[in-house]
């Protein structure tokens, strides 16, 4: 059973999804090109390319409606890891927590049938 989504809800979902995807792509480019030394400080320097490629893949899966479920799952895992890294380094978990909430908000806006009790 497919639930019809209002035009406003569709547009809101696409806008937030686009902004989140841009954020993740910018973050991945920072890991690859702009600030690789930050990954060294967190003792993740050897993994920065794999982490960045995972972030790019997850964000692109998240952007498109047919693969949104997989992207949401992968980004949730990624943001969970980011929250743990922030906790262990003593930095604020506010930003990754807000991003994680926004990921799930977009999923709810774009796929409300997933949350229906059958």
Protein backbone atom coordinates (compact mmCIF):
# COMPACT_ATOMS: atom_id res chain seq x y z
CA UNK A 1 0.00 0.00 0.00
CA UNK A 2 1.51 3.29 -1.11
CA UNK A 3 0.53 6.44 0.73
CA UNK A 4 0.09 9.58 -1.37
CA UNK A 5 2.47 12.30 -0.20
CA UNK A 6 1.46 15.98 -0.37
CA UNK A 7 3.38 18.33 -2.65
CA UNK A 8 4.63 20.40 0.29
CA UNK A 9 5.89 17.30 2.05
CA UNK A 10 7.67 16.13 -1.13
CA UNK A 11 9.35 19.48 -1.65
CA UNK A 12 10.38 19.71 2.01
CA UNK A 13 11.82 16.20 1.86
CA UNK A 14 13.78 16.94 -1.30
CA UNK A 15 15.15 20.25 0.02
CA UNK A 16 16.34 18.80 3.33
CA UNK A 17 17.67 15.67 1.58
CA UNK A 18 19.58 17.87 -0.88
CA UNK A 19 21.06 19.98 1.91
CA UNK A 20 22.07 16.91 3.91
CA UNK A 21 23.62 15.30 0.83
CA UNK A 22 25.58 18.49 0.15
CA UNK A 23 26.76 18.49 3.78
CA UNK A 24 27.91 14.86 3.56
CA UNK A 25 29.64 15.41 0.21
CA UNK A 26 31.44 18.48 1.59
CA UNK A 27 32.45 16.48 4.66
CA UNK A 28 33.77 13.65 2.48
CA UNK A 29 35.75 16.09 0.32
CA UNK A 30 37.28 17.51 3.49
CA UNK A 31 38.41 14.04 4.51
CA UNK A 32 39.89 13.42 1.07
CA UNK A 33 41.36 16.79 0.10
CA UNK A 34 40.84 19.73 2.46
CA UNK A 35 41.71 18.66 6.02
CA UNK A 36 43.10 15.12 6.13
CA UNK A 37 45.11 16.07 9.23
CA UNK A 38 41.89 16.11 11.27
CA UNK A 39 41.51 12.39 10.60
CA UNK A 40 45.09 11.88 11.79
CA UNK A 41 44.28 13.65 15.07
CA UNK A 42 41.42 11.22 15.67
CA UNK A 43 43.71 8.26 14.85
CA UNK A 44 41.65 7.51 11.72
CA UNK A 45 44.19 8.63 9.12
CA UNK A 46 44.61 5.14 7.67
CA UNK A 47 40.84 4.88 7.18
CA UNK A 48 40.06 8.35 5.82
CA UNK A 49 39.66 7.28 2.17
CA UNK A 50 37.39 4.34 3.05
CA UNK A 51 35.35 6.53 5.41
CA UNK A 52 35.01 9.28 2.78
CA UNK A 53 33.96 6.83 0.05
CA UNK A 54 31.42 5.28 2.41
CA UNK A 55 30.07 8.73 3.20
CA UNK A 56 29.74 9.60 -0.49
CA UNK A 57 28.02 6.30 -1.30
CA UNK A 58 25.65 6.55 1.66
CA UNK A 59 24.68 10.14 0.92
CA UNK A 60 23.94 9.38 -2.74
CA UNK A 61 21.84 6.35 -1.76
CA UNK A 62 20.02 8.62 0.69
CA UNK A 63 19.26 11.27 -1.94
CA UNK A 64 17.31 9.10 -4.36
CA UNK A 65 13.84 7.85 -3.33
CA UNK A 66 14.31 4.26 -4.55
CA UNK A 67 17.42 3.76 -2.41
CA UNK A 68 16.48 6.13 0.42
CA UNK A 69 15.97 3.26 2.88
CA UNK A 70 19.49 1.95 2.38
CA UNK A 71 21.01 5.41 2.56
CA UNK A 72 19.11 6.13 5.78
CA UNK A 73 20.38 2.92 7.34
CA UNK A 74 23.97 3.58 6.27
CA UNK A 75 23.93 7.24 7.31
CA UNK A 76 22.43 6.27 10.68
CA UNK A 77 25.33 3.90 11.23
CA UNK A 78 27.81 6.51 10.04
CA UNK A 79 26.37 9.21 12.32
CA UNK A 80 26.31 6.74 15.23
CA UNK A 81 30.03 6.27 14.70
CA UNK A 82 30.52 10.02 14.50
CA UNK A 83 28.69 10.46 17.81
CA UNK A 84 30.92 7.84 19.45
CA UNK A 85 34.08 9.51 18.08
CA UNK A 86 32.85 12.87 19.40
CA UNK A 87 32.15 11.34 22.79
CA UNK A 88 35.58 9.71 23.05
CA UNK A 89 37.41 12.89 22.00
CA UNK A 90 35.41 15.10 24.36
CA UNK A 91 33.80 17.24 21.66
CA UNK A 92 30.13 18.15 21.49
CA UNK A 93 27.75 15.54 20.11
CA UNK A 94 25.17 18.18 19.22
CA UNK A 95 25.97 18.48 15.50
CA UNK A 96 26.06 14.75 14.64
CA UNK A 97 22.93 14.19 16.74
CA UNK A 98 21.00 16.92 14.92
CA UNK A 99 22.15 15.57 11.55
CA UNK A 100 21.04 12.06 12.55
CA UNK A 101 17.61 13.39 13.55
CA UNK A 102 17.34 15.23 10.22
CA UNK A 103 18.23 12.05 8.31
CA UNK A 104 15.33 10.24 9.98
CA UNK A 105 13.01 13.23 9.53
CA UNK A 106 13.67 13.17 5.79
CA UNK A 107 13.07 9.43 5.71
CA UNK A 108 9.75 9.95 7.49
CA UNK A 109 8.76 12.74 5.09
CA UNK A 110 9.67 10.73 2.00
CA UNK A 111 8.57 7.23 3.06
CA UNK A 112 5.66 7.52 5.50
CA UNK A 113 4.40 4.05 4.57
CA UNK A 114 7.45 2.57 6.30
CA UNK A 115 6.09 3.76 9.65
CA UNK A 116 2.53 2.49 9.16
CA UNK A 117 1.45 -0.43 11.34
CA UNK A 118 0.09 -3.19 9.16
